[in-house]
C-alpha atoms as a PDB file:
ATOM      1  CA  MET A   1      -0.210  -0.012  -0.073  1.00  0.00           C
ATOM      2  CA  SER A   2       1.605   3.436  -0.561  1.00  0.00           C
ATOM      3  CA  ALA A   3       1.719   6.019   1.386  1.00  0.00           C
ATOM      4  CA  ILE A   4      -0.097   9.747   0.593  1.00  0.00           C
ATOM      5  CA  THR A   5       2.603  12.062  -0.253  1.00  0.00           C
ATOM      6  CA  LYS A   6       2.785  15.916  -1.113  1.00  0.00           C
ATOM      7  CA  ASP A   7       3.637  14.578  -4.241  1.00  0.00           C
ATOM      8  CA  THR A   8       1.195  12.593  -5.156  1.00  0.00           C
ATOM      9  CA  LEU A   9      -1.813  14.447  -4.503  1.00  0.00           C
ATOM     10  CA  SER A  10      -0.315  17.115  -6.461  1.00  0.00           C
ATOM     11  CA  SER A  11       0.276  14.508  -9.347  1.00  0.00           C
ATOM     12  CA  THR A  12      -3.294  13.308  -8.958  1.00  0.00           C
ATOM     13  CA  SER A  13      -5.800  14.504 -12.046  1.00  0.00           C
ATOM     14  CA  THR A  14      -8.688  16.552 -10.400  1.00  0.00           C
ATOM     15  CA  THR A  15     -10.298  16.093 -14.328  1.00  0.00           C
ATOM     16  CA  SER A  16     -13.158  13.481 -14.997  1.00  0.00           C
ATOM     17  CA  PRO A  17     -12.650  11.549 -17.579  1.00  0.00           C
ATOM     18  CA  SER A  18     -14.556  12.274 -20.957  1.00  0.00           C
ATOM     19  CA  PRO A  19     -18.082  10.152 -21.529  1.00  0.00           C
ATOM     20  CA  SER A  20     -17.910   6.993 -22.905  1.00  0.00           C
ATOM     21  CA  TYR A  21     -20.778   5.670 -24.107  1.00  0.00           C
ATOM     22  CA  ALA A  22     -19.702   2.218 -24.430  1.00  0.00           C
ATOM     23  CA  PRO A  23     -19.574   0.997 -21.597  1.00  0.00           C
ATOM     24  CA  TYR A  24     -23.400   2.569 -20.828  1.00  0.00           C
ATOM     25  CA  LEU A  25     -24.489   0.447 -24.370  1.00  0.00           C
ATOM     26  CA  SER A  26     -22.620  -2.591 -22.969  1.00  0.00           C
ATOM     27  CA  THR A  27     -25.288  -2.829 -19.660  1.00  0.00           C
ATOM     28  CA  ARG A  28     -28.833  -3.785 -19.755  1.00  0.00           C
ATOM     29  CA  ALA A  29     -29.661  -0.241 -18.540  1.00  0.00           C
ATOM     30  CA  PHE A  30     -30.380   0.779 -22.280  1.00  0.00           C
ATOM     31  CA  ALA A  31     -32.916  -2.126 -22.576  1.00  0.00           C
ATOM     32  CA  LEU A  32     -34.272  -0.888 -19.141  1.00  0.00           C
ATOM     33  CA  HIS A  33     -34.282   2.766 -20.430  1.00  0.00           C
ATOM     34  CA  SER A  34     -35.379   2.459 -23.124  1.00  0.00           C
ATOM     35  CA  ILE A  35     -39.518   1.764 -22.376  1.00  0.00           C
ATOM     36  CA  PRO A  36     -39.806   5.366 -20.658  1.00  0.00           C
ATOM     37  CA  ILE A  37     -38.597   6.621 -24.478  1.00  0.00           C
ATOM     38  CA  SER A  38     -41.440   3.703 -25.981  1.00  0.00           C
ATOM     39  CA  TYR A  39     -43.984   5.574 -23.694  1.00  0.00           C
ATOM     40  CA  ALA A  40     -43.156   9.036 -24.463  1.00  0.00           C
ATOM     41  CA  LEU A  41     -43.297   8.229 -28.015  1.00  0.00           C
ATOM     42  CA  ALA A  42     -46.988   8.383 -28.037  1.00  0.00           C
ATOM     43  CA  PHE A  43     -46.737  11.369 -26.956  1.00  0.00           C
ATOM     44  CA  PRO A  44     -46.162  13.950 -30.487  1.00  0.00           C
ATOM     45  CA  PRO A  45     -48.925  12.350 -32.282  1.00  0.00           C
ATOM     46  CA  HIS A  46     -51.509  13.002 -29.443  1.00  0.00           C
ATOM     47  CA  ILE A  47     -50.219  17.063 -28.840  1.00  0.00           C
ATOM     48  CA  TYR A  48     -50.062  17.454 -32.670  1.00  0.00           C
ATOM     49  CA  MET A  49     -53.579  16.257 -32.654  1.00  0.00           C
ATOM     50  CA  PHE A  50     -54.775  18.351 -29.862  1.00  0.00           C
ATOM     51  CA  GLY A  51     -52.995  20.920 -31.211  1.00  0.00           C
ATOM     52  CA  LYS A  52     -54.705  20.858 -35.092  1.00  0.00           C
ATOM     53  CA  ALA A  53     -57.937  20.456 -34.129  1.00  0.00           C
ATOM     54  CA  MET A  54     -57.921  23.718 -31.403  1.00  0.00           C
ATOM     55  CA  VAL A  55     -56.113  25.384 -34.554  1.00  0.00           C
ATOM     56  CA  ALA A  56     -58.292  23.486 -37.535  1.00  0.00           C
ATOM     57  CA  SER A  57     -62.010  24.266 -34.950  1.00  0.00           C
ATOM     58  CA  GLN A  58     -60.634  27.750 -34.129  1.00  0.00           C
ATOM     59  CA  GLY A  59     -60.410  26.530 -30.460  1.00  0.00           C
ATOM     60  CA  ALA A  60     -64.107  24.542 -30.399  1.00  0.00           C
ATOM     61  CA  ALA A  61     -61.999  21.553 -29.244  1.00  0.00           C
ATOM     62  CA  SER A  62     -61.595  21.090 -25.617  1.00  0.00           C
ATOM     63  CA  ASN A  63     -59.207  20.286 -22.865  1.00  0.00           C
ATOM     64  CA  LEU A  64     -62.009  18.905 -20.950  1.00  0.00           C
ATOM     65  CA  VAL A  65     -63.438  16.160 -22.129  1.00  0.00           C
ATOM     66  CA  PRO A  66     -60.549  15.713 -24.829  1.00  0.00           C
ATOM     67  CA  ARG A  67     -62.131  11.850 -26.217  1.00  0.00           C
ATOM     68  CA  ALA A  68     -64.522  13.913 -27.341  1.00  0.00           C
ATOM     69  CA  ASN A  69     -63.292  16.233 -29.112  1.00  0.00           C
ATOM     70  CA  LEU A  70     -62.902  14.860 -32.914  1.00  0.00           C
ATOM     71  CA  ASP A  71     -66.634  13.938 -32.649  1.00  0.00           C
ATOM     72  CA  ARG A  72     -67.214  17.462 -31.738  1.00  0.00           C
ATOM     73  CA  ILE A  73     -65.816  19.283 -34.171  1.00  0.00           C
ATOM     74  CA  ALA A  74     -66.407  16.471 -37.081  1.00  0.00           C
ATOM     75  CA  SER A  75     -68.749  19.156 -38.773  1.00  0.00           C
ATOM     76  CA  LEU A  76     -66.478  22.387 -38.166  1.00  0.00           C
ATOM     77  CA  VAL A  77     -63.664  21.228 -40.268  1.00  0.00           C
ATOM     78  CA  PRO A  78     -62.859  19.648 -43.289  1.00  0.00           C
ATOM     79  CA  ARG A  79     -62.855  16.443 -44.105  1.00  0.00           C
ATOM     80  CA  ALA A  80     -58.972  16.081 -44.926  1.00  0.00           C
ATOM     81  CA  THR A  81     -58.435  17.631 -41.733  1.00  0.00           C
ATOM     82  CA  LEU A  82     -61.014  15.568 -39.614  1.00  0.00           C
ATOM     83  CA  ASP A  83     -59.279  12.423 -41.214  1.00  0.00           C
ATOM     84  CA  THR A  84     -55.625  13.686 -40.322  1.00  0.00           C
ATOM     85  CA  LEU A  85     -56.596  14.166 -36.367  1.00  0.00           C
ATOM     86  CA  TRP A  86     -57.896  10.361 -36.325  1.00  0.00           C
ATOM     87  CA  LYS A  87     -54.421   9.102 -38.272  1.00  0.00           C
ATOM     88  CA  ALA A  88     -52.900  11.149 -35.202  1.00  0.00           C
ATOM     89  CA  ARG A  89     -55.306   9.776 -32.448  1.00  0.00           C
ATOM     90  CA  GLY A  90     -54.748   6.333 -33.705  1.00  0.00           C
ATOM     91  CA  CYS A  91     -51.472   6.293 -34.080  1.00  0.00           C
ATOM     92  CA  HIS A  92     -51.050   7.492 -30.298  1.00  0.00           C
ATOM     93  CA  LEU A  93     -53.024   4.972 -29.370  1.00  0.00           C
ATOM     94  CA  ASN A  94     -51.505   2.784 -31.321  1.00  0.00           C
ATOM     95  CA  THR A  95     -48.812   3.534 -29.379  1.00  0.00           C
ATOM     96  CA  LEU A  96     -50.141   2.701 -26.258  1.00  0.00           C
ATOM     97  CA  GLU A  97     -51.440  -0.469 -26.847  1.00  0.00           C
ATOM     98  CA  GLY A  98     -48.482  -1.422 -28.042  1.00  0.00           C
ATOM     99  CA  PHE A  99     -46.238  -0.217 -25.054  1.00  0.00           C
ATOM    100  CA  PRO A 100     -47.276  -3.327 -22.425  1.00  0.00           C
ATOM    101  CA  LEU A 101     -46.000  -5.308 -24.443  1.00  0.00           C
ATOM    102  CA  PHE A 102     -42.483  -3.653 -25.216  1.00  0.00           C
ATOM    103  CA  ALA A 103     -42.206  -3.068 -21.282  1.00  0.00           C
ATOM    104  CA  ALA A 104     -42.341  -6.773 -19.872  1.00  0.00           C
ATOM    105  CA  ALA A 105     -40.298  -7.819 -23.002  1.00  0.00           C
ATOM    106  CA  MET A 106     -37.346  -5.786 -22.174  1.00  0.00           C
ATOM    107  CA  LEU A 107     -38.094  -6.412 -18.414  1.00  0.00           C
ATOM    108  CA  ALA A 108     -38.572 -10.041 -18.820  1.00  0.00           C
ATOM    109  CA  GLY A 109     -35.196 -10.170 -20.991  1.00  0.00           C
ATOM    110  CA  THR A 110     -33.266  -8.096 -18.403  1.00  0.00           C
ATOM    111  CA  TYR A 111     -34.473 -10.329 -15.965  1.00  0.00           C
ATOM    112  CA  THR A 112     -33.834 -13.438 -17.018  1.00  0.00           C
ATOM    113  CA  GLN A 113     -30.383 -12.226 -18.233  1.00  0.00           C
ATOM    114  CA  VAL A 114     -30.929 -12.497 -22.468  1.00  0.00           C
ATOM    115  CA  ASP A 115     -27.501 -11.266 -23.958  1.00  0.00           C
ATOM    116  CA  ARG A 116     -26.778  -7.791 -23.057  1.00  0.00           C
ATOM    117  CA  ARG A 117     -26.472  -6.972 -26.941  1.00  0.00           C
ATOM    118  CA  GLU A 118     -28.851  -8.841 -28.205  1.00  0.00           C
ATOM    119  CA  MET A 119     -31.437  -6.521 -25.923  1.00  0.00           C
ATOM    120  CA  ASN A 120     -30.288  -2.887 -26.525  1.00  0.00           C
ATOM    121  CA  ILE A 121     -30.013  -3.750 -30.179  1.00  0.00           C
ATOM    122  CA  CYS A 122     -33.528  -4.679 -29.921  1.00  0.00           C
ATOM    123  CA  ALA A 123     -34.799  -1.780 -28.001  1.00  0.00           C
ATOM    124  CA  ALA A 124     -32.588  -0.055 -30.180  1.00  0.00           C
ATOM    125  CA  GLU A 125     -34.823  -1.502 -33.554  1.00  0.00           C
ATOM    126  CA  TYR A 126     -38.515  -1.284 -31.555  1.00  0.00           C
ATOM    127  CA  LEU A 127     -37.367   2.412 -30.805  1.00  0.00           C
ATOM    128  CA  ALA A 128     -36.878   2.843 -34.354  1.00  0.00           C
ATOM    129  CA  ALA A 129     -39.444   0.629 -35.975  1.00  0.00           C
ATOM    130  CA  ARG A 130     -42.098   2.635 -33.749  1.00  0.00           C
ATOM    131  CA  VAL A 131     -40.583   6.340 -34.850  1.00  0.00           C
ATOM    132  CA  LEU A 132     -41.129   5.201 -38.760  1.00  0.00           C
ATOM    133  CA  TYR A 133     -44.224   3.645 -37.971  1.00  0.00           C
ATOM    134  CA  ASN A 134     -45.410   6.859 -36.706  1.00  0.00           C
ATOM    135  CA  VAL A 135     -44.195   8.898 -39.336  1.00  0.00           C
ATOM    136  CA  LEU A 136     -45.613   6.454 -41.829  1.00  0.00           C
ATOM    137  CA  TYR A 137     -49.048   6.325 -39.712  1.00  0.00           C
ATOM    138  CA  LEU A 138     -49.356  10.160 -40.103  1.00  0.00           C
ATOM    139  CA  THR A 139     -48.039  11.053 -43.714  1.00  0.00           C
ATOM    140  CA  VAL A 140     -48.924   7.365 -45.717  1.00  0.00           C
ATOM    141  CA  ARG A 141     -52.235   9.203 -48.048  1.00  0.00           C
ATOM    142  CA  SER A 142     -52.717   6.182 -50.785  1.00  0.00           C
ATOM    143  CA  GLU A 143     -54.313   2.379 -49.424  1.00  0.00           C
ATOM    144  CA  LYS A 144     -51.190   0.661 -51.454  1.00  0.00           C
ATOM    145  CA  ALA A 145     -48.097   2.871 -49.479  1.00  0.00           C
ATOM    146  CA  SER A 146     -50.943   2.140 -45.920  1.00  0.00           C
ATOM    147  CA  TYR A 147     -49.479  -1.881 -46.440  1.00  0.00           C
ATOM    148  CA  LEU A 148     -45.783   0.034 -45.659  1.00  0.00           C
ATOM    149  CA  ARG A 149     -47.177   1.700 -42.632  1.00  0.00           C
ATOM    150  CA  SER A 150     -48.628  -1.978 -41.605  1.00  0.00           C
ATOM    151  CA  ALA A 151     -45.232  -3.446 -42.138  1.00  0.00           C
ATOM    152  CA  ALA A 152     -43.547  -1.563 -39.698  1.00  0.00           C
ATOM    153  CA  TYR A 153     -46.103  -2.124 -37.316  1.00  0.00           C
ATOM    154  CA  PHE A 154     -45.359  -5.980 -37.679  1.00  0.00           C
ATOM    155  CA  TRP A 155     -41.663  -5.257 -37.604  1.00  0.00           C
ATOM    156  CA  SER A 156     -42.515  -3.025 -34.161  1.00  0.00           C
ATOM    157  CA  ILE A 157     -44.620  -6.035 -32.667  1.00  0.00           C
ATOM    158  CA  GLY A 158     -42.523  -9.153 -33.338  1.00  0.00           C
ATOM    159  CA  ILE A 159     -39.282  -7.756 -31.533  1.00  0.00           C
ATOM    160  CA  PRO A 160     -41.225  -7.956 -27.975  1.00  0.00           C
ATOM    161  CA  PHE A 161     -42.495 -11.844 -29.209  1.00  0.00           C
ATOM    162  CA  TYR A 162     -39.051 -12.280 -30.212  1.00  0.00           C
ATOM    163  CA  VAL A 163     -37.486 -11.089 -27.112  1.00  0.00           C
ATOM    164  CA  LEU A 164     -40.234 -13.420 -24.853  1.00  0.00           C
ATOM    165  CA  TRP A 165     -39.447 -16.158 -26.164  1.00  0.00           C
ATOM    166  CA  LYS A 166     -35.655 -15.790 -26.285  1.00  0.00           C
ATOM    167  CA  ALA A 167     -36.759 -14.940 -22.097  1.00  0.00           C
ATOM    168  CA  GLY A 168     -38.925 -17.685 -21.626  1.00  0.00           C
ATOM    169  CA  TRP A 169     -36.220 -19.900 -22.835  1.00  0.00           C
ATOM    170  CA  LYS A 170     -33.638 -18.361 -20.019  1.00  0.00           C
ATOM    171  CA  VAL A 171     -36.073 -20.445 -18.346  1.00  0.00           C
ATOM    172  CA  VAL A 172     -35.743 -23.306 -19.712  1.00  0.00           C
ATOM    173  CA  GLU A 173     -32.179 -23.573 -19.385  1.00  0.00           C
ATOM    174  CA  GLU A 174     -32.443 -22.618 -15.668  1.00  0.00           C
ATOM    175  CA  ASP A 175     -34.741 -25.099 -15.047  1.00  0.00           C
ATOM    176  CA  ARG A 176     -32.916 -27.427 -16.857  1.00  0.00           C
ATOM    177  CA  ARG A 177     -28.868 -26.661 -14.401  1.00  0.00           C
ATOM    178  CA  PRO A 178     -29.182 -28.896 -11.954  1.00  0.00           C
ATOM    179  CA  ALA A 179     -29.256 -27.906  -8.211  1.00  0.00           C
ATOM    180  CA  ASN A 180     -26.272 -26.792  -6.233  1.00  0.00           C
ATOM    181  CA  LEU A 181     -26.583 -28.749  -2.899  1.00  0.00           C
END
């Protein structure tokens, strides 16, 4: 054990090392942090819908009973605007509907110790798929192109199924190990 001297104190660096994200991405933290991020992806379509409804209806939309807004303003706005508002609402709700499955998958995969790298890739891929889905949901204007949105949906929803499947097999592997007595 070395002694602390005046020389060692003065030569000790007081600057922090530069931040590196490599250690963060090699842990399970990103998979867990992706859970609130995925939930937050539901808010941009909702904020867009509410703001556009307020402007298009010249204030007839209300925060008092927001779920009734689209029905309330249907006769006050052009059909194309109303369709856009319904799409934004659907996008918002669909993101919320997919959230529990994704959160369960990230928690199950973390708990059963599915490979960290694979978990982080799945988390990032899910977030990317959901962003793509949201963009397509709000921008696609043709029946033919709407199938791209559906493809993005099935891509995104397949990821938590995959992680849950992997987590299930981790449980099976653990159950097959002989107990240490």
